Amino acid sequence: MFGNCWSLTSIVVNSGNTVYRSEGNCLIQIADNALIAGCSASVIPNGVISINDLAFYGCLSLTNITIPNSVMSIGAGAFYDSISLTGITIPDSVTSIGDNAFYGCSSLITVTFEGANTEFNSIYTFPGVNSYSGSMLQAYQLGGIGTYNRQGSNSYTWTWTKE
């Protein structure tokens, strides 16, 4: 919806709108508490059930985001090309992550999994570097719940280690 609006820092919806509301600089669909779009200043409110496809697409200034325990799904490409995002915690409430949810998040160095869900198959972060994304998934599959840190000097030699 607002993809590639690099300098967007605020989302406000008219209080009379019956379809959408804004909270925490997020655009939320009222009917299903789905986060439709966010910006670099977004704080995902408790009660949001899903983060829709491409919700934070191209949010170049987004460095940090907390996903509340109410979120059950993260859509395809939800954080696509959020190149300043450095870390993310995926709560145990999340049972599905869409394809390429973190694709292009070139600054992502810490991923914390709080649950043991088997749907975490889409931690793709760099274009064409499947070995990188595979190693993150492999580390999670071997290590389970925990925090993983990226190590290495370039995208072809990165490894993920559990704290």
N, C-alpha and C. Protein backbone atom coordinates (compact mmCIF):
# COMPACT_ATOMS: atom_id res chain seq x y z
N MET A 1 0.82 -1.19 0.00
CA MET A 1 0.00 0.00 0.00
C MET A 1 0.86 1.26 0.00
N PHE A 2 1.84 1.31 0.94
CA PHE A 2 2.75 2.46 0.98
C PHE A 2 4.16 2.02 0.63
N GLY A 3 4.31 0.89 -0.03
CA GLY A 3 5.63 0.35 -0.34
C GLY A 3 6.54 1.36 -0.99
N ASN A 4 7.78 1.36 -0.55
CA ASN A 4 8.82 2.25 -1.04
C ASN A 4 8.55 3.72 -0.75
N CYS A 5 7.75 4.01 0.23
CA CYS A 5 7.59 5.39 0.71
C CYS A 5 8.66 5.58 1.78
N TRP A 6 9.90 5.78 1.34
CA TRP A 6 11.06 5.74 2.20
C TRP A 6 11.03 6.71 3.37
N SER A 7 10.43 7.86 3.18
CA SER A 7 10.46 8.86 4.25
C SER A 7 9.16 8.92 5.05
N LEU A 8 8.26 7.99 4.83
CA LEU A 8 7.00 7.97 5.58
C LEU A 8 7.27 7.67 7.05
N THR A 9 6.82 8.57 7.93
CA THR A 9 7.06 8.40 9.37
C THR A 9 5.79 8.43 10.19
N SER A 10 4.66 8.64 9.54
CA SER A 10 3.41 8.74 10.29
C SER A 10 2.25 8.22 9.45
N ILE A 11 1.35 7.49 10.09
CA ILE A 11 0.14 7.00 9.43
C ILE A 11 -1.04 7.38 10.32
N VAL A 12 -1.95 8.18 9.77
CA VAL A 12 -3.11 8.65 10.52
C VAL A 12 -4.36 8.42 9.67
N VAL A 13 -5.37 7.81 10.28
CA VAL A 13 -6.64 7.55 9.61
C VAL A 13 -7.72 8.38 10.29
N ASN A 14 -8.61 8.96 9.50
CA ASN A 14 -9.73 9.73 10.02
C ASN A 14 -10.52 8.89 11.01
N SER A 15 -10.87 9.45 12.13
CA SER A 15 -11.58 8.71 13.19
C SER A 15 -12.94 8.18 12.74
N GLY A 16 -13.51 8.70 11.70
CA GLY A 16 -14.81 8.23 11.20
C GLY A 16 -14.71 7.07 10.22
N ASN A 17 -13.51 6.64 9.89
CA ASN A 17 -13.31 5.56 8.94
C ASN A 17 -13.77 4.24 9.57
N THR A 18 -14.65 3.53 8.88
CA THR A 18 -15.20 2.28 9.42
C THR A 18 -14.45 1.03 8.94
N VAL A 19 -13.48 1.20 8.05
CA VAL A 19 -12.74 0.06 7.50
C VAL A 19 -11.34 -0.03 8.10
N TYR A 20 -10.69 1.12 8.26
CA TYR A 20 -9.32 1.16 8.76
C TYR A 20 -9.21 2.05 9.99
N ARG A 21 -8.20 1.76 10.80
CA ARG A 21 -7.85 2.62 11.92
C ARG A 21 -6.33 2.75 11.94
N SER A 22 -5.86 3.75 12.60
CA SER A 22 -4.41 3.88 12.78
C SER A 22 -4.09 3.82 14.26
N GLU A 23 -3.01 3.15 14.56
CA GLU A 23 -2.52 3.06 15.93
C GLU A 23 -1.03 2.75 15.85
N GLY A 24 -0.25 3.44 16.62
CA GLY A 24 1.19 3.22 16.62
C GLY A 24 1.83 3.44 15.26
N ASN A 25 1.30 4.39 14.49
CA ASN A 25 1.78 4.64 13.13
C ASN A 25 1.68 3.41 12.24
N CYS A 26 0.62 2.64 12.45
CA CYS A 26 0.31 1.47 11.63
C CYS A 26 -1.09 1.63 11.06
N LEU A 27 -1.31 1.15 9.84
CA LEU A 27 -2.63 1.10 9.24
C LEU A 27 -3.19 -0.29 9.51
N ILE A 28 -4.32 -0.34 10.22
CA ILE A 28 -4.89 -1.61 10.65
C ILE A 28 -6.30 -1.75 10.11
N GLN A 29 -6.57 -2.90 9.53
CA GLN A 29 -7.92 -3.21 9.05
C GLN A 29 -8.77 -3.61 10.25
N ILE A 30 -9.87 -2.92 10.46
CA ILE A 30 -10.69 -3.10 11.65
C ILE A 30 -11.30 -4.51 11.73
N ALA A 31 -11.79 -5.03 10.62
CA ALA A 31 -12.53 -6.30 10.62
C ALA A 31 -11.74 -7.47 11.18
N ASP A 32 -10.43 -7.52 10.89
CA ASP A 32 -9.66 -8.69 11.31
C ASP A 32 -8.36 -8.34 12.06
N ASN A 33 -8.24 -7.09 12.46
CA ASN A 33 -7.03 -6.63 13.19
C ASN A 33 -5.75 -6.99 12.44
N ALA A 34 -5.78 -6.83 11.13
CA ALA A 34 -4.60 -7.09 10.31
C ALA A 34 -3.84 -5.80 10.07
N LEU A 35 -2.53 -5.84 10.27
CA LEU A 35 -1.69 -4.69 9.98
C LEU A 35 -1.48 -4.66 8.47
N ILE A 36 -1.98 -3.62 7.83
CA ILE A 36 -1.93 -3.49 6.38
C ILE A 36 -0.64 -2.82 5.93
N ALA A 37 -0.24 -1.77 6.68
CA ALA A 37 0.97 -1.02 6.31
C ALA A 37 1.59 -0.40 7.54
N GLY A 38 2.90 -0.28 7.48
CA GLY A 38 3.65 0.36 8.56
C GLY A 38 4.65 1.33 7.97
N CYS A 39 5.38 2.00 8.86
CA CYS A 39 6.40 2.95 8.43
C CYS A 39 7.58 2.86 9.39
N SER A 40 8.57 3.70 9.19
CA SER A 40 9.78 3.62 10.01
C SER A 40 9.53 3.94 11.48
N ALA A 41 8.44 4.62 11.80
CA ALA A 41 8.13 4.97 13.19
C ALA A 41 7.04 4.08 13.80
N SER A 42 6.73 2.98 13.15
CA SER A 42 5.65 2.11 13.61
C SER A 42 6.00 1.38 14.89
N VAL A 43 4.98 1.23 15.73
CA VAL A 43 5.01 0.37 16.90
C VAL A 43 3.79 -0.52 16.77
N ILE A 44 3.99 -1.80 16.53
CA ILE A 44 2.86 -2.70 16.30
C ILE A 44 2.09 -2.86 17.60
N PRO A 45 0.81 -2.47 17.60
CA PRO A 45 0.04 -2.54 18.84
C PRO A 45 -0.37 -3.97 19.20
N ASN A 46 -0.50 -4.22 20.50
CA ASN A 46 -1.07 -5.49 20.96
C ASN A 46 -2.46 -5.63 20.37
N GLY A 47 -2.83 -6.82 20.01
CA GLY A 47 -4.14 -7.06 19.43
C GLY A 47 -4.09 -7.29 17.94
N VAL A 48 -3.00 -6.86 17.28
CA VAL A 48 -2.84 -7.13 15.86
C VAL A 48 -2.64 -8.64 15.70
N ILE A 49 -3.42 -9.24 14.80
CA ILE A 49 -3.41 -10.69 14.60
C ILE A 49 -2.43 -11.11 13.51
N SER A 50 -2.31 -10.27 12.48
CA SER A 50 -1.43 -10.62 11.37
C SER A 50 -0.75 -9.38 10.81
N ILE A 51 0.43 -9.61 10.26
CA ILE A 51 1.15 -8.58 9.53
C ILE A 51 1.03 -8.98 8.06
N ASN A 52 0.31 -8.19 7.28
CA ASN A 52 -0.01 -8.57 5.91
C ASN A 52 1.19 -8.54 4.98
N ASP A 53 1.01 -9.15 3.82
CA ASP A 53 2.03 -9.16 2.78
C ASP A 53 2.51 -7.73 2.51
N LEU A 54 3.82 -7.56 2.42
CA LEU A 54 4.46 -6.30 2.04
C LEU A 54 4.13 -5.12 2.96
N ALA A 55 3.71 -5.39 4.18
CA ALA A 55 3.29 -4.32 5.10
C ALA A 55 4.38 -3.29 5.36
N PHE A 56 5.63 -3.74 5.44
CA PHE A 56 6.75 -2.83 5.70
C PHE A 56 7.71 -2.79 4.51
N TYR A 57 7.20 -3.12 3.33
CA TYR A 57 8.03 -3.19 2.13
C TYR A 57 8.76 -1.86 1.88
N GLY A 58 10.07 -1.93 1.78
CA GLY A 58 10.86 -0.76 1.45
C GLY A 58 10.96 0.28 2.54
N CYS A 59 10.69 -0.08 3.79
CA CYS A 59 10.85 0.86 4.91
C CYS A 59 12.34 0.95 5.23
N LEU A 60 13.03 1.77 4.48
CA LEU A 60 14.48 1.83 4.55
C LEU A 60 15.02 2.29 5.89
N SER A 61 14.24 3.07 6.65
CA SER A 61 14.71 3.60 7.93
C SER A 61 14.27 2.77 9.12
N LEU A 62 13.52 1.71 8.90
CA LEU A 62 13.07 0.86 10.00
C LEU A 62 14.27 0.08 10.54
N THR A 63 14.63 0.35 11.79
CA THR A 63 15.79 -0.32 12.37
C THR A 63 15.40 -1.36 13.41
N ASN A 64 14.25 -1.16 14.01
CA ASN A 64 13.84 -1.98 15.14
C ASN A 64 12.33 -2.12 15.12
N ILE A 65 11.84 -3.30 15.40
CA ILE A 65 10.39 -3.50 15.50
C ILE A 65 10.14 -4.63 16.49
N THR A 66 9.12 -4.47 17.30
CA THR A 66 8.72 -5.51 18.24
C THR A 66 7.41 -6.11 17.75
N ILE A 67 7.40 -7.40 17.59
CA ILE A 67 6.19 -8.10 17.18
C ILE A 67 5.51 -8.60 18.44
N PRO A 68 4.29 -8.11 18.73
CA PRO A 68 3.62 -8.53 19.96
C PRO A 68 3.14 -9.98 19.89
N ASN A 69 2.88 -10.55 21.06
CA ASN A 69 2.44 -11.95 21.16
C ASN A 69 1.07 -12.20 20.56
N SER A 70 0.33 -11.17 20.20
CA SER A 70 -0.97 -11.37 19.56
C SER A 70 -0.84 -11.76 18.09
N VAL A 71 0.32 -11.50 17.48
CA VAL A 71 0.51 -11.78 16.05
C VAL A 71 0.67 -13.28 15.83
N MET A 72 -0.13 -13.81 14.89
CA MET A 72 -0.09 -15.23 14.57
C MET A 72 0.54 -15.51 13.22
N SER A 73 0.56 -14.50 12.33
CA SER A 73 1.16 -14.74 11.01
C SER A 73 1.86 -13.48 10.51
N ILE A 74 2.93 -13.74 9.76
CA ILE A 74 3.69 -12.68 9.10
C ILE A 74 3.61 -12.98 7.61
N GLY A 75 3.08 -12.05 6.85
CA GLY A 75 2.82 -12.26 5.43
C GLY A 75 4.05 -12.29 4.55
N ALA A 76 3.85 -12.73 3.32
CA ALA A 76 4.91 -12.79 2.33
C ALA A 76 5.51 -11.41 2.10
N GLY A 77 6.82 -11.33 2.16
CA GLY A 77 7.50 -10.06 1.90
C GLY A 77 7.18 -8.97 2.90
N ALA A 78 6.70 -9.32 4.08
CA ALA A 78 6.24 -8.32 5.05
C ALA A 78 7.29 -7.26 5.36
N PHE A 79 8.56 -7.65 5.43
CA PHE A 79 9.64 -6.71 5.73
C PHE A 79 10.63 -6.61 4.56
N TYR A 80 10.15 -6.95 3.39
CA TYR A 80 10.95 -6.98 2.17
C TYR A 80 11.71 -5.65 1.97
N ASP A 81 13.00 -5.74 1.79
CA ASP A 81 13.87 -4.58 1.55
C ASP A 81 13.86 -3.54 2.68
N SER A 82 13.59 -3.97 3.89
CA SER A 82 13.75 -3.08 5.05
C SER A 82 15.22 -3.17 5.44
N ILE A 83 16.05 -2.50 4.68
CA ILE A 83 17.50 -2.71 4.71
C ILE A 83 18.19 -2.27 5.99
N SER A 84 17.52 -1.50 6.84
CA SER A 84 18.15 -1.04 8.09
C SER A 84 17.74 -1.89 9.29
N LEU A 85 16.84 -2.83 9.08
CA LEU A 85 16.38 -3.68 10.18
C LEU A 85 17.54 -4.56 10.65
N THR A 86 17.89 -4.44 11.95
CA THR A 86 19.06 -5.16 12.47
C THR A 86 18.71 -6.40 13.27
N GLY A 87 17.53 -6.45 13.84
CA GLY A 87 17.16 -7.61 14.64
C GLY A 87 15.66 -7.77 14.71
N ILE A 88 15.24 -8.99 14.91
CA ILE A 88 13.80 -9.27 15.01
C ILE A 88 13.60 -10.43 15.98
N THR A 89 12.54 -10.32 16.78
CA THR A 89 12.14 -11.41 17.66
C THR A 89 10.81 -11.93 17.16
N ILE A 90 10.75 -13.22 16.90
CA ILE A 90 9.53 -13.86 16.41
C ILE A 90 8.91 -14.59 17.59
N PRO A 91 7.78 -14.06 18.11
CA PRO A 91 7.18 -14.66 19.31
C PRO A 91 6.59 -16.04 19.03
N ASP A 92 6.36 -16.79 20.10
CA ASP A 92 5.83 -18.15 19.94
C ASP A 92 4.40 -18.18 19.43
N SER A 93 3.73 -17.03 19.40
CA SER A 93 2.37 -16.97 18.86
C SER A 93 2.36 -17.09 17.34
N VAL A 94 3.48 -16.79 16.69
CA VAL A 94 3.56 -16.85 15.23
C VAL A 94 3.61 -18.30 14.77
N THR A 95 2.63 -18.67 13.94
CA THR A 95 2.57 -20.04 13.44
C THR A 95 2.85 -20.12 11.95
N SER A 96 2.95 -18.97 11.27
CA SER A 96 3.32 -19.01 9.85
C SER A 96 4.04 -17.72 9.47
N ILE A 97 5.01 -17.92 8.59
CA ILE A 97 5.77 -16.81 8.03
C ILE A 97 5.74 -16.99 6.53
N GLY A 98 5.27 -15.99 5.81
CA GLY A 98 5.15 -16.08 4.36
C GLY A 98 6.50 -16.06 3.66
N ASP A 99 6.50 -16.47 2.42
CA ASP A 99 7.71 -16.49 1.62
C ASP A 99 8.39 -15.12 1.60
N ASN A 100 9.69 -15.13 1.68
CA ASN A 100 10.50 -13.93 1.55
C ASN A 100 10.14 -12.82 2.53
N ALA A 101 9.65 -13.19 3.69
CA ALA A 101 9.21 -12.20 4.69
C ALA A 101 10.31 -11.20 5.04
N PHE A 102 11.57 -11.63 5.03
CA PHE A 102 12.69 -10.76 5.41
C PHE A 102 13.70 -10.61 4.27
N TYR A 103 13.25 -10.85 3.07
CA TYR A 103 14.11 -10.76 1.88
C TYR A 103 14.66 -9.35 1.74
N GLY A 104 15.96 -9.23 1.51
CA GLY A 104 16.57 -7.93 1.29
C GLY A 104 16.90 -7.18 2.56
N CYS A 105 16.70 -7.78 3.72
CA CYS A 105 17.02 -7.13 5.01
C CYS A 105 18.52 -7.31 5.26
N SER A 106 19.32 -6.55 4.55
CA SER A 106 20.76 -6.76 4.53
C SER A 106 21.47 -6.43 5.84
N SER A 107 20.81 -5.72 6.75
CA SER A 107 21.43 -5.40 8.04
C SER A 107 20.98 -6.34 9.15
N LEU A 108 20.13 -7.29 8.83
CA LEU A 108 19.60 -8.21 9.83
C LEU A 108 20.72 -9.10 10.36
N ILE A 109 21.05 -8.94 11.65
CA ILE A 109 22.14 -9.72 12.23
C ILE A 109 21.70 -10.58 13.41
N THR A 110 20.50 -10.31 13.96
CA THR A 110 20.02 -11.11 15.10
C THR A 110 18.57 -11.50 14.87
N VAL A 111 18.31 -12.79 14.96
CA VAL A 111 16.94 -13.31 14.86
C VAL A 111 16.69 -14.17 16.10
N THR A 112 15.62 -13.85 16.82
CA THR A 112 15.26 -14.63 18.01
C THR A 112 13.95 -15.34 17.75
N PHE A 113 13.97 -16.66 17.92
CA PHE A 113 12.76 -17.48 17.81
C PHE A 113 12.32 -17.82 19.22
N GLU A 114 11.11 -17.42 19.58
CA GLU A 114 10.61 -17.73 20.92
C GLU A 114 9.75 -18.98 20.94
N GLY A 115 9.43 -19.52 19.78
CA GLY A 115 8.59 -20.72 19.72
C GLY A 115 9.25 -21.81 18.92
N ALA A 116 8.65 -22.97 18.94
CA ALA A 116 9.20 -24.12 18.23
C ALA A 116 8.34 -24.48 17.03
N ASN A 117 7.73 -23.47 16.41
CA ASN A 117 6.85 -23.74 15.28
C ASN A 117 7.65 -24.18 14.06
N THR A 118 7.07 -25.05 13.28
CA THR A 118 7.76 -25.61 12.11
C THR A 118 7.53 -24.79 10.85
N GLU A 119 6.78 -23.70 10.93
CA GLU A 119 6.46 -22.92 9.75
C GLU A 119 7.53 -21.88 9.40
N PHE A 120 8.59 -21.81 10.16
CA PHE A 120 9.59 -20.78 9.93
C PHE A 120 10.52 -21.19 8.79
N ASN A 121 9.97 -21.20 7.59
CA ASN A 121 10.73 -21.68 6.44
C ASN A 121 11.07 -20.58 5.46
N SER A 122 10.92 -19.33 5.86
CA SER A 122 11.07 -18.25 4.89
C SER A 122 11.95 -17.12 5.38
N ILE A 123 13.04 -17.44 6.01
CA ILE A 123 13.94 -16.40 6.48
C ILE A 123 14.94 -16.09 5.35
N TYR A 124 14.41 -15.62 4.22
CA TYR A 124 15.24 -15.24 3.08
C TYR A 124 15.55 -13.76 3.23
N THR A 125 16.80 -13.41 3.21
CA THR A 125 17.14 -12.01 3.42
C THR A 125 17.90 -11.37 2.28
N PHE A 126 18.58 -12.13 1.47
CA PHE A 126 19.37 -11.52 0.42
C PHE A 126 19.03 -12.10 -0.93
N PRO A 127 18.93 -11.25 -1.94
CA PRO A 127 18.64 -11.73 -3.29
C PRO A 127 19.70 -12.72 -3.75
N GLY A 128 19.28 -13.89 -4.15
CA GLY A 128 20.16 -14.86 -4.75
C GLY A 128 21.15 -15.54 -3.83
N VAL A 129 21.00 -15.39 -2.53
CA VAL A 129 21.95 -16.01 -1.61
C VAL A 129 21.20 -17.04 -0.78
N ASN A 130 20.79 -18.10 -1.42
CA ASN A 130 20.00 -19.12 -0.74
C ASN A 130 20.78 -19.86 0.32
N SER A 131 22.11 -19.96 0.17
CA SER A 131 22.88 -20.66 1.19
C SER A 131 22.82 -19.90 2.52
N TYR A 132 22.75 -18.58 2.44
CA TYR A 132 22.63 -17.76 3.65
C TYR A 132 21.31 -18.04 4.36
N SER A 133 20.22 -17.95 3.59
CA SER A 133 18.92 -18.17 4.22
C SER A 133 18.80 -19.60 4.69
N GLY A 134 19.36 -20.54 3.91
CA GLY A 134 19.33 -21.93 4.32
C GLY A 134 20.07 -22.17 5.62
N SER A 135 21.21 -21.49 5.79
CA SER A 135 21.97 -21.71 7.01
C SER A 135 21.22 -21.19 8.23
N MET A 136 20.46 -20.09 8.07
CA MET A 136 19.64 -19.59 9.19
C MET A 136 18.58 -20.63 9.54
N LEU A 137 17.91 -21.14 8.52
CA LEU A 137 16.88 -22.15 8.75
C LEU A 137 17.50 -23.42 9.34
N GLN A 138 18.64 -23.83 8.82
CA GLN A 138 19.30 -25.02 9.35
C GLN A 138 19.69 -24.83 10.81
N ALA A 139 20.22 -23.65 11.14
CA ALA A 139 20.59 -23.37 12.53
C ALA A 139 19.37 -23.46 13.43
N TYR A 140 18.25 -22.91 12.98
CA TYR A 140 17.03 -22.96 13.78
C TYR A 140 16.55 -24.42 13.94
N GLN A 141 16.57 -25.15 12.84
CA GLN A 141 16.09 -26.53 12.89
C GLN A 141 16.94 -27.37 13.84
N LEU A 142 18.22 -27.10 13.89
CA LEU A 142 19.10 -27.85 14.78
C LEU A 142 19.03 -27.34 16.22
N GLY A 143 18.90 -26.03 16.38
CA GLY A 143 18.99 -25.44 17.70
C GLY A 143 17.67 -25.09 18.37
N GLY A 144 16.60 -24.94 17.60
CA GLY A 144 15.29 -24.63 18.17
C GLY A 144 15.19 -23.23 18.74
N ILE A 145 14.39 -23.09 19.78
CA ILE A 145 14.12 -21.80 20.40
C ILE A 145 15.43 -21.14 20.83
N GLY A 146 15.53 -19.84 20.58
CA GLY A 146 16.71 -19.11 21.00
C GLY A 146 17.03 -17.94 20.10
N THR A 147 18.17 -17.32 20.37
CA THR A 147 18.64 -16.17 19.60
C THR A 147 19.82 -16.60 18.75
N TYR A 148 19.80 -16.19 17.49
CA TYR A 148 20.84 -16.53 16.54
C TYR A 148 21.48 -15.25 16.02
N ASN A 149 22.79 -15.24 15.95
CA ASN A 149 23.54 -14.09 15.48
C ASN A 149 24.29 -14.43 14.21
N ARG A 150 24.29 -13.48 13.28
CA ARG A 150 24.98 -13.66 12.01
C ARG A 150 26.45 -13.32 12.19
N GLN A 151 27.32 -14.14 11.63
CA GLN A 151 28.76 -13.89 11.70
C GLN A 151 29.34 -14.09 10.31
N GLY A 152 30.39 -13.37 10.01
CA GLY A 152 31.05 -13.48 8.72
C GLY A 152 31.16 -12.14 8.06
N SER A 153 32.05 -12.06 7.07
CA SER A 153 32.35 -10.76 6.47
C SER A 153 31.61 -10.49 5.18
N ASN A 154 31.07 -11.50 4.54
CA ASN A 154 30.30 -11.23 3.32
C ASN A 154 29.16 -12.23 3.19
N SER A 155 28.25 -11.93 2.30
CA SER A 155 27.01 -12.70 2.20
C SER A 155 27.22 -14.16 1.83
N TYR A 156 28.40 -14.51 1.28
CA TYR A 156 28.61 -15.89 0.89
C TYR A 156 29.27 -16.73 1.98
N THR A 157 29.75 -16.09 3.03
CA THR A 157 30.42 -16.85 4.09
C THR A 157 29.75 -16.67 5.45
N TRP A 158 28.59 -16.04 5.48
CA TRP A 158 27.90 -15.87 6.76
C TRP A 158 27.48 -17.19 7.35
N THR A 159 27.55 -17.24 8.67
CA THR A 159 26.99 -18.38 9.38
C THR A 159 26.15 -17.83 10.51
N TRP A 160 25.27 -18.62 11.01
CA TRP A 160 24.40 -18.23 12.14
C TRP A 160 24.76 -19.09 13.31
N THR A 161 24.96 -18.46 14.46
CA THR A 161 25.28 -19.21 15.67
C THR A 161 24.27 -18.85 16.76
N LYS A 162 23.97 -19.85 17.56
CA LYS A 162 23.02 -19.65 18.65
C LYS A 162 23.74 -19.11 19.88
N GLU A 163 23.13 -18.12 20.54
CA GLU A 163 23.71 -17.57 21.77
C GLU A 163 23.69 -18.58 22.86
